[in-house]
Amino acid sequence: MIFETLEKFAAALPASRPVAGLDLGTKTIGVAISDPRLSVATPLRTIRRTKFTADAQELLGLCEERQIAGLILGLPRNMDGSEGPRCQSTRAFARNLSRLTELPITFWDERLSTVAAERALLEADTSRKRRAEVIDHVAAGFILQGAIDRIAFLRRSA
């Protein structure tokens, strides 16, 4: 099921299970996972995209293996907040994936997540080759951390 708000998504999550954050690109899917308490996001891996069915199978296998409770997809809005073709592609991926799983799915504004990931990797003096290998799942970590920080805030405010 797809939730348009983080509040409804958080309410649908079972207790003490991790969630995954995804940075969807045209060639790769960056994956990060949280701890069961939803406090820390950890970049996990990058999936090389082929066809939707194969991508979904690999992603859902990972979710089963890691006992993932829900998925947070980075929504690549334009800088003015509008949604362009990349957002439409992300929403289509979510719709297609929701037909294959009962996991709750939501979106998180990912503007500048790749820029933040690139900056962090540069500050860590990561080589250009290594940055290219890890940028997508590091960006997924930034997306996921932002979302779980917001979930923590919503839970404290409730």
N, C-alpha and C. Protein backbone atom coordinates (compact mmCIF):
# COMPACT_ATOMS: atom_id res chain seq x y z
N MET A 1 0.84 -1.18 0.00
CA MET A 1 0.00 0.00 0.00
C MET A 1 0.89 1.25 0.00
N ILE A 2 0.50 2.21 -0.80
CA ILE A 2 1.27 3.46 -0.90
C ILE A 2 0.63 4.53 -0.02
N PHE A 3 1.44 5.15 0.81
CA PHE A 3 0.98 6.23 1.68
C PHE A 3 1.59 7.54 1.20
N GLU A 4 0.76 8.54 1.02
CA GLU A 4 1.25 9.83 0.55
C GLU A 4 1.85 10.67 1.68
N THR A 5 1.53 10.33 2.94
CA THR A 5 2.12 11.09 4.05
C THR A 5 2.96 10.16 4.92
N LEU A 6 4.01 10.72 5.48
CA LEU A 6 4.88 9.97 6.36
C LEU A 6 4.15 9.57 7.64
N GLU A 7 3.21 10.41 8.07
CA GLU A 7 2.45 10.11 9.29
C GLU A 7 1.66 8.81 9.14
N LYS A 8 0.97 8.66 8.02
CA LYS A 8 0.18 7.44 7.79
C LYS A 8 1.08 6.23 7.58
N PHE A 9 2.18 6.45 6.89
CA PHE A 9 3.16 5.38 6.70
C PHE A 9 3.67 4.88 8.05
N ALA A 10 4.09 5.81 8.91
CA ALA A 10 4.64 5.46 10.22
C ALA A 10 3.61 4.70 11.06
N ALA A 11 2.35 5.10 10.96
CA ALA A 11 1.29 4.43 11.73
C ALA A 11 1.09 2.98 11.25
N ALA A 12 1.42 2.70 10.00
CA ALA A 12 1.23 1.36 9.44
C ALA A 12 2.41 0.42 9.73
N LEU A 13 3.49 0.94 10.28
CA LEU A 13 4.68 0.12 10.52
C LEU A 13 4.55 -0.71 11.78
N PRO A 14 4.95 -1.99 11.72
CA PRO A 14 5.03 -2.78 12.95
C PRO A 14 6.20 -2.30 13.80
N ALA A 15 6.14 -2.56 15.09
CA ALA A 15 7.20 -2.11 16.00
C ALA A 15 8.47 -2.94 15.81
N SER A 16 9.59 -2.32 16.07
CA SER A 16 10.90 -2.99 16.15
C SER A 16 11.31 -3.75 14.90
N ARG A 17 11.03 -3.14 13.74
CA ARG A 17 11.53 -3.71 12.48
C ARG A 17 12.11 -2.58 11.64
N PRO A 18 13.16 -2.85 10.91
CA PRO A 18 13.80 -1.80 10.10
C PRO A 18 12.98 -1.44 8.86
N VAL A 19 13.29 -0.28 8.31
CA VAL A 19 12.72 0.13 7.03
C VAL A 19 13.89 0.34 6.06
N ALA A 20 13.56 0.38 4.78
CA ALA A 20 14.59 0.59 3.76
C ALA A 20 14.32 1.90 3.04
N GLY A 21 15.38 2.57 2.66
CA GLY A 21 15.29 3.78 1.84
C GLY A 21 15.88 3.48 0.47
N LEU A 22 15.23 3.99 -0.56
CA LEU A 22 15.67 3.73 -1.93
C LEU A 22 15.93 5.03 -2.67
N ASP A 23 17.05 5.04 -3.38
CA ASP A 23 17.38 6.13 -4.29
C ASP A 23 17.29 5.54 -5.69
N LEU A 24 16.16 5.79 -6.37
CA LEU A 24 15.92 5.20 -7.69
C LEU A 24 16.59 6.03 -8.77
N GLY A 25 17.44 5.40 -9.53
CA GLY A 25 18.03 6.03 -10.69
C GLY A 25 17.63 5.26 -11.93
N THR A 26 18.02 5.73 -13.08
CA THR A 26 17.68 5.02 -14.30
C THR A 26 18.52 3.76 -14.48
N LYS A 27 19.72 3.74 -13.90
CA LYS A 27 20.61 2.59 -14.06
C LYS A 27 20.82 1.80 -12.77
N THR A 28 20.54 2.43 -11.63
CA THR A 28 20.80 1.79 -10.33
C THR A 28 19.70 2.12 -9.33
N ILE A 29 19.66 1.31 -8.27
CA ILE A 29 18.80 1.59 -7.11
C ILE A 29 19.72 1.54 -5.89
N GLY A 30 19.91 2.67 -5.25
CA GLY A 30 20.67 2.71 -4.02
C GLY A 30 19.77 2.27 -2.87
N VAL A 31 20.29 1.42 -2.01
CA VAL A 31 19.50 0.87 -0.90
C VAL A 31 20.20 1.16 0.43
N ALA A 32 19.44 1.66 1.38
CA ALA A 32 19.91 1.85 2.75
C ALA A 32 18.88 1.23 3.67
N ILE A 33 19.32 0.80 4.85
CA ILE A 33 18.37 0.25 5.82
C ILE A 33 18.57 0.93 7.17
N SER A 34 17.50 0.92 7.94
CA SER A 34 17.57 1.48 9.29
C SER A 34 17.78 0.36 10.30
N ASP A 35 18.06 0.76 11.51
CA ASP A 35 18.06 -0.20 12.61
C ASP A 35 16.59 -0.43 13.00
N PRO A 36 16.30 -1.46 13.80
CA PRO A 36 14.90 -1.73 14.16
C PRO A 36 14.21 -0.61 14.93
N ARG A 37 14.97 0.25 15.60
CA ARG A 37 14.37 1.36 16.36
C ARG A 37 14.12 2.60 15.50
N LEU A 38 14.49 2.53 14.24
CA LEU A 38 14.34 3.64 13.28
C LEU A 38 15.10 4.89 13.74
N SER A 39 16.34 4.68 14.16
CA SER A 39 17.12 5.83 14.59
C SER A 39 18.33 6.11 13.70
N VAL A 40 18.90 5.08 13.07
CA VAL A 40 20.10 5.26 12.25
C VAL A 40 19.93 4.58 10.90
N ALA A 41 20.23 5.32 9.84
CA ALA A 41 20.21 4.76 8.49
C ALA A 41 21.62 4.36 8.09
N THR A 42 21.75 3.20 7.47
CA THR A 42 23.04 2.70 7.03
C THR A 42 22.97 2.37 5.54
N PRO A 43 23.83 2.99 4.74
CA PRO A 43 23.88 2.62 3.32
C PRO A 43 24.23 1.13 3.20
N LEU A 44 23.53 0.42 2.33
CA LEU A 44 23.72 -1.03 2.25
C LEU A 44 24.37 -1.46 0.93
N ARG A 45 23.71 -1.16 -0.18
CA ARG A 45 24.25 -1.61 -1.47
C ARG A 45 23.56 -0.91 -2.62
N THR A 46 24.09 -1.12 -3.81
CA THR A 46 23.49 -0.59 -5.02
C THR A 46 23.09 -1.75 -5.91
N ILE A 47 21.85 -1.72 -6.35
CA ILE A 47 21.34 -2.73 -7.27
C ILE A 47 21.45 -2.18 -8.69
N ARG A 48 22.09 -2.90 -9.57
CA ARG A 48 22.15 -2.52 -10.99
C ARG A 48 20.82 -2.87 -11.63
N ARG A 49 20.17 -1.88 -12.22
CA ARG A 49 18.85 -2.10 -12.80
C ARG A 49 18.94 -2.84 -14.13
N THR A 50 17.97 -3.74 -14.32
CA THR A 50 17.84 -4.44 -15.60
C THR A 50 16.40 -4.23 -16.09
N LYS A 51 15.52 -5.12 -15.67
CA LYS A 51 14.09 -4.99 -15.98
C LYS A 51 13.35 -4.90 -14.66
N PHE A 52 12.16 -4.29 -14.68
CA PHE A 52 11.42 -4.08 -13.44
C PHE A 52 11.25 -5.38 -12.65
N THR A 53 10.85 -6.45 -13.32
CA THR A 53 10.57 -7.72 -12.63
C THR A 53 11.80 -8.21 -11.88
N ALA A 54 12.95 -8.17 -12.55
CA ALA A 54 14.19 -8.62 -11.90
C ALA A 54 14.59 -7.67 -10.78
N ASP A 55 14.45 -6.37 -11.01
CA ASP A 55 14.78 -5.38 -9.98
C ASP A 55 13.91 -5.58 -8.75
N ALA A 56 12.60 -5.76 -8.97
CA ALA A 56 11.65 -5.94 -7.87
C ALA A 56 11.95 -7.23 -7.12
N GLN A 57 12.27 -8.29 -7.84
CA GLN A 57 12.56 -9.57 -7.21
C GLN A 57 13.79 -9.45 -6.30
N GLU A 58 14.83 -8.79 -6.80
CA GLU A 58 16.04 -8.61 -5.99
C GLU A 58 15.75 -7.74 -4.76
N LEU A 59 15.01 -6.67 -4.96
CA LEU A 59 14.68 -5.76 -3.88
C LEU A 59 13.80 -6.45 -2.82
N LEU A 60 12.77 -7.15 -3.26
CA LEU A 60 11.88 -7.82 -2.31
C LEU A 60 12.57 -8.99 -1.61
N GLY A 61 13.50 -9.64 -2.28
CA GLY A 61 14.30 -10.68 -1.63
C GLY A 61 15.15 -10.10 -0.51
N LEU A 62 15.73 -8.94 -0.78
CA LEU A 62 16.51 -8.23 0.23
C LEU A 62 15.61 -7.83 1.41
N CYS A 63 14.41 -7.36 1.11
CA CYS A 63 13.48 -6.97 2.17
C CYS A 63 13.10 -8.16 3.04
N GLU A 64 12.89 -9.30 2.42
CA GLU A 64 12.55 -10.50 3.19
C GLU A 64 13.73 -10.94 4.05
N GLU A 65 14.91 -10.96 3.47
CA GLU A 65 16.12 -11.37 4.18
C GLU A 65 16.39 -10.47 5.39
N ARG A 66 16.17 -9.18 5.25
CA ARG A 66 16.46 -8.21 6.31
C ARG A 66 15.25 -7.89 7.18
N GLN A 67 14.11 -8.56 6.92
CA GLN A 67 12.85 -8.34 7.66
C GLN A 67 12.44 -6.86 7.64
N ILE A 68 12.48 -6.27 6.45
CA ILE A 68 12.13 -4.87 6.27
C ILE A 68 10.63 -4.69 6.44
N ALA A 69 10.24 -3.64 7.17
CA ALA A 69 8.82 -3.38 7.48
C ALA A 69 8.17 -2.42 6.50
N GLY A 70 8.95 -1.63 5.77
CA GLY A 70 8.39 -0.65 4.85
C GLY A 70 9.48 -0.04 3.99
N LEU A 71 9.04 0.62 2.90
CA LEU A 71 9.97 1.21 1.95
C LEU A 71 9.74 2.71 1.81
N ILE A 72 10.82 3.46 1.83
CA ILE A 72 10.76 4.91 1.64
C ILE A 72 11.54 5.23 0.37
N LEU A 73 10.84 5.71 -0.63
CA LEU A 73 11.46 6.02 -1.91
C LEU A 73 11.76 7.51 -1.99
N GLY A 74 12.98 7.83 -2.40
CA GLY A 74 13.32 9.22 -2.62
C GLY A 74 12.52 9.76 -3.79
N LEU A 75 11.86 10.89 -3.59
CA LEU A 75 11.05 11.51 -4.64
C LEU A 75 11.83 12.71 -5.18
N PRO A 76 12.32 12.60 -6.42
CA PRO A 76 13.21 13.64 -6.97
C PRO A 76 12.45 14.85 -7.50
N ARG A 77 11.94 15.66 -6.59
CA ARG A 77 11.23 16.88 -6.99
C ARG A 77 12.20 17.88 -7.63
N ASN A 78 11.64 18.77 -8.44
CA ASN A 78 12.42 19.88 -8.98
C ASN A 78 12.72 20.85 -7.84
N MET A 79 13.69 21.71 -8.02
CA MET A 79 14.06 22.64 -6.96
C MET A 79 12.92 23.56 -6.54
N ASP A 80 11.96 23.81 -7.43
CA ASP A 80 10.81 24.65 -7.08
C ASP A 80 9.69 23.84 -6.41
N GLY A 81 9.93 22.55 -6.17
CA GLY A 81 8.95 21.70 -5.50
C GLY A 81 8.00 20.98 -6.44
N SER A 82 8.03 21.31 -7.71
CA SER A 82 7.14 20.66 -8.67
C SER A 82 7.64 19.25 -8.99
N GLU A 83 6.76 18.47 -9.58
CA GLU A 83 7.12 17.10 -9.95
C GLU A 83 7.27 16.99 -11.46
N GLY A 84 8.40 16.47 -11.88
CA GLY A 84 8.66 16.29 -13.30
C GLY A 84 8.64 14.82 -13.67
N PRO A 85 9.24 14.49 -14.81
CA PRO A 85 9.24 13.11 -15.31
C PRO A 85 9.90 12.11 -14.36
N ARG A 86 10.95 12.52 -13.65
CA ARG A 86 11.60 11.58 -12.72
C ARG A 86 10.69 11.23 -11.55
N CYS A 87 9.89 12.18 -11.09
CA CYS A 87 8.91 11.89 -10.03
C CYS A 87 7.85 10.92 -10.55
N GLN A 88 7.40 11.15 -11.76
CA GLN A 88 6.40 10.26 -12.35
C GLN A 88 6.94 8.84 -12.46
N SER A 89 8.20 8.72 -12.84
CA SER A 89 8.84 7.41 -12.94
C SER A 89 8.94 6.73 -11.57
N THR A 90 9.27 7.50 -10.55
CA THR A 90 9.36 6.96 -9.19
C THR A 90 7.99 6.52 -8.70
N ARG A 91 6.98 7.32 -8.95
CA ARG A 91 5.61 6.94 -8.54
C ARG A 91 5.14 5.69 -9.29
N ALA A 92 5.50 5.57 -10.56
CA ALA A 92 5.13 4.38 -11.34
C ALA A 92 5.83 3.14 -10.77
N PHE A 93 7.10 3.28 -10.40
CA PHE A 93 7.83 2.18 -9.79
C PHE A 93 7.13 1.75 -8.50
N ALA A 94 6.74 2.71 -7.68
CA ALA A 94 6.05 2.42 -6.42
C ALA A 94 4.73 1.70 -6.68
N ARG A 95 3.95 2.19 -7.65
CA ARG A 95 2.67 1.53 -7.98
C ARG A 95 2.89 0.08 -8.42
N ASN A 96 3.86 -0.13 -9.29
CA ASN A 96 4.14 -1.49 -9.77
C ASN A 96 4.65 -2.38 -8.64
N LEU A 97 5.49 -1.84 -7.78
CA LEU A 97 6.02 -2.61 -6.65
C LEU A 97 4.92 -2.95 -5.66
N SER A 98 3.99 -2.02 -5.44
CA SER A 98 2.91 -2.25 -4.47
C SER A 98 1.99 -3.39 -4.90
N ARG A 99 2.00 -3.72 -6.17
CA ARG A 99 1.20 -4.85 -6.65
C ARG A 99 1.85 -6.18 -6.29
N LEU A 100 3.13 -6.14 -5.92
CA LEU A 100 3.88 -7.36 -5.63
C LEU A 100 4.14 -7.59 -4.15
N THR A 101 3.83 -6.60 -3.31
CA THR A 101 4.14 -6.72 -1.88
C THR A 101 3.08 -6.02 -1.03
N GLU A 102 2.98 -6.47 0.20
CA GLU A 102 2.10 -5.84 1.17
C GLU A 102 2.83 -4.77 1.98
N LEU A 103 4.13 -4.62 1.76
CA LEU A 103 4.90 -3.64 2.51
C LEU A 103 4.37 -2.23 2.27
N PRO A 104 4.24 -1.43 3.33
CA PRO A 104 3.86 -0.03 3.13
C PRO A 104 4.98 0.71 2.40
N ILE A 105 4.59 1.61 1.52
CA ILE A 105 5.53 2.40 0.72
C ILE A 105 5.17 3.87 0.86
N THR A 106 6.17 4.70 0.99
CA THR A 106 5.94 6.15 1.00
C THR A 106 7.09 6.84 0.28
N PHE A 107 7.04 8.16 0.24
CA PHE A 107 8.03 8.96 -0.47
C PHE A 107 8.64 9.98 0.48
N TRP A 108 9.88 10.36 0.17
CA TRP A 108 10.57 11.40 0.91
C TRP A 108 11.26 12.31 -0.10
N ASP A 109 11.10 13.60 0.07
CA ASP A 109 11.69 14.58 -0.83
C ASP A 109 13.21 14.41 -0.81
N GLU A 110 13.77 14.07 -1.94
CA GLU A 110 15.21 13.78 -1.98
C GLU A 110 16.04 14.90 -2.57
N ARG A 111 15.47 16.09 -2.71
CA ARG A 111 16.25 17.18 -3.29
C ARG A 111 17.58 17.32 -2.57
N LEU A 112 18.62 17.35 -3.33
CA LEU A 112 19.99 17.56 -2.87
C LEU A 112 20.59 16.39 -2.09
N SER A 113 19.92 15.23 -2.03
CA SER A 113 20.50 14.10 -1.30
C SER A 113 21.79 13.61 -1.96
N THR A 114 21.82 13.58 -3.29
CA THR A 114 23.03 13.14 -3.98
C THR A 114 24.15 14.16 -3.79
N VAL A 115 23.79 15.44 -3.77
CA VAL A 115 24.79 16.48 -3.52
C VAL A 115 25.39 16.31 -2.12
N ALA A 116 24.53 16.06 -1.13
CA ALA A 116 25.00 15.85 0.24
C ALA A 116 25.87 14.61 0.33
N ALA A 117 25.47 13.55 -0.36
CA ALA A 117 26.26 12.31 -0.35
C ALA A 117 27.62 12.54 -0.99
N GLU A 118 27.63 13.23 -2.11
CA GLU A 118 28.89 13.54 -2.80
C GLU A 118 29.81 14.37 -1.90
N ARG A 119 29.25 15.35 -1.23
CA ARG A 119 30.04 16.21 -0.33
C ARG A 119 30.63 15.38 0.81
N ALA A 120 29.82 14.50 1.40
CA ALA A 120 30.30 13.67 2.50
C ALA A 120 31.43 12.75 2.04
N LEU A 121 31.28 12.19 0.85
CA LEU A 121 32.32 11.31 0.33
C LEU A 121 33.60 12.08 0.00
N LEU A 122 33.46 13.29 -0.50
CA LEU A 122 34.64 14.13 -0.76
C LEU A 122 35.35 14.48 0.54
N GLU A 123 34.57 14.82 1.58
CA GLU A 123 35.16 15.16 2.87
C GLU A 123 35.87 13.96 3.47
N ALA A 124 35.40 12.76 3.15
CA ALA A 124 36.04 11.55 3.65
C ALA A 124 37.22 11.14 2.76
N ASP A 125 37.56 12.00 1.78
CA ASP A 125 38.68 11.77 0.88
C ASP A 125 38.53 10.45 0.12
N THR A 126 37.31 10.15 -0.30
CA THR A 126 37.02 8.94 -1.06
C THR A 126 37.46 9.14 -2.51
N SER A 127 38.10 8.13 -3.07
CA SER A 127 38.57 8.24 -4.45
C SER A 127 37.40 8.37 -5.42
N ARG A 128 37.66 8.92 -6.58
CA ARG A 128 36.61 9.09 -7.60
C ARG A 128 35.97 7.76 -7.96
N LYS A 129 36.79 6.72 -8.13
CA LYS A 129 36.28 5.39 -8.48
C LYS A 129 35.37 4.87 -7.37
N ARG A 130 35.80 4.98 -6.13
CA ARG A 130 35.00 4.48 -5.00
C ARG A 130 33.72 5.30 -4.86
N ARG A 131 33.79 6.62 -5.07
CA ARG A 131 32.57 7.46 -5.01
C ARG A 131 31.55 6.97 -6.01
N ALA A 132 31.98 6.66 -7.23
CA ALA A 132 31.07 6.19 -8.26
C ALA A 132 30.40 4.87 -7.85
N GLU A 133 31.13 4.05 -7.11
CA GLU A 133 30.60 2.75 -6.68
C GLU A 133 29.57 2.88 -5.57
N VAL A 134 29.72 3.88 -4.69
CA VAL A 134 28.89 3.94 -3.48
C VAL A 134 27.89 5.10 -3.44
N ILE A 135 27.97 6.03 -4.38
CA ILE A 135 27.17 7.25 -4.29
C ILE A 135 25.67 6.97 -4.17
N ASP A 136 25.17 5.97 -4.89
CA ASP A 136 23.73 5.71 -4.88
C ASP A 136 23.24 5.21 -3.53
N HIS A 137 23.96 4.29 -2.91
CA HIS A 137 23.46 3.82 -1.61
C HIS A 137 23.80 4.80 -0.48
N VAL A 138 24.82 5.62 -0.66
CA VAL A 138 25.05 6.69 0.32
C VAL A 138 23.92 7.72 0.22
N ALA A 139 23.50 8.06 -1.00
CA ALA A 139 22.36 8.97 -1.17
C ALA A 139 21.09 8.36 -0.57
N ALA A 140 20.90 7.05 -0.74
CA ALA A 140 19.75 6.38 -0.13
C ALA A 140 19.80 6.51 1.40
N GLY A 141 21.02 6.48 1.96
CA GLY A 141 21.18 6.67 3.40
C GLY A 141 20.74 8.06 3.84
N PHE A 142 21.08 9.09 3.05
CA PHE A 142 20.63 10.45 3.36
C PHE A 142 19.11 10.55 3.28
N ILE A 143 18.52 9.95 2.26
CA ILE A 143 17.06 9.95 2.11
C ILE A 143 16.41 9.29 3.32
N LEU A 144 16.90 8.09 3.64
CA LEU A 144 16.31 7.33 4.75
C LEU A 144 16.51 8.04 6.09
N GLN A 145 17.69 8.60 6.32
CA GLN A 145 17.92 9.29 7.60
C GLN A 145 16.97 10.47 7.78
N GLY A 146 16.76 11.23 6.71
CA GLY A 146 15.82 12.35 6.79
C GLY A 146 14.42 11.88 7.13
N ALA A 147 13.99 10.80 6.51
CA ALA A 147 12.64 10.28 6.76
C ALA A 147 12.49 9.72 8.17
N ILE A 148 13.48 8.94 8.64
CA ILE A 148 13.32 8.37 9.98
C ILE A 148 13.48 9.42 11.06
N ASP A 149 14.26 10.47 10.80
CA ASP A 149 14.32 11.59 11.75
C ASP A 149 12.95 12.24 11.86
N ARG A 150 12.27 12.41 10.74
CA ARG A 150 10.93 12.99 10.75
C ARG A 150 9.94 12.07 11.47
N ILE A 151 10.04 10.77 11.24
CA ILE A 151 9.17 9.81 11.95
C ILE A 151 9.39 9.91 13.45
N ALA A 152 10.65 10.01 13.88
CA ALA A 152 10.96 10.14 15.31
C ALA A 152 10.33 11.41 15.87
N PHE A 153 10.42 12.51 15.12
CA PHE A 153 9.82 13.77 15.54
C PHE A 153 8.29 13.62 15.67
N LEU A 154 7.68 12.98 14.69
CA LEU A 154 6.22 12.79 14.72
C LEU A 154 5.81 11.94 15.91
N ARG A 155 6.58 10.93 16.23
CA ARG A 155 6.27 10.06 17.38
C ARG A 155 6.43 10.79 18.70
N ARG A 156 7.44 11.65 18.79
CA ARG A 156 7.63 12.43 20.03
C ARG A 156 6.52 13.46 20.19
N SER A 157 6.03 13.99 19.09
CA SER A 157 4.99 15.02 19.12
C SER A 157 3.60 14.47 19.37
N ALA A 158 3.43 13.17 19.17
CA ALA A 158 2.09 12.57 19.29
C ALA A 158 1.64 12.45 20.73
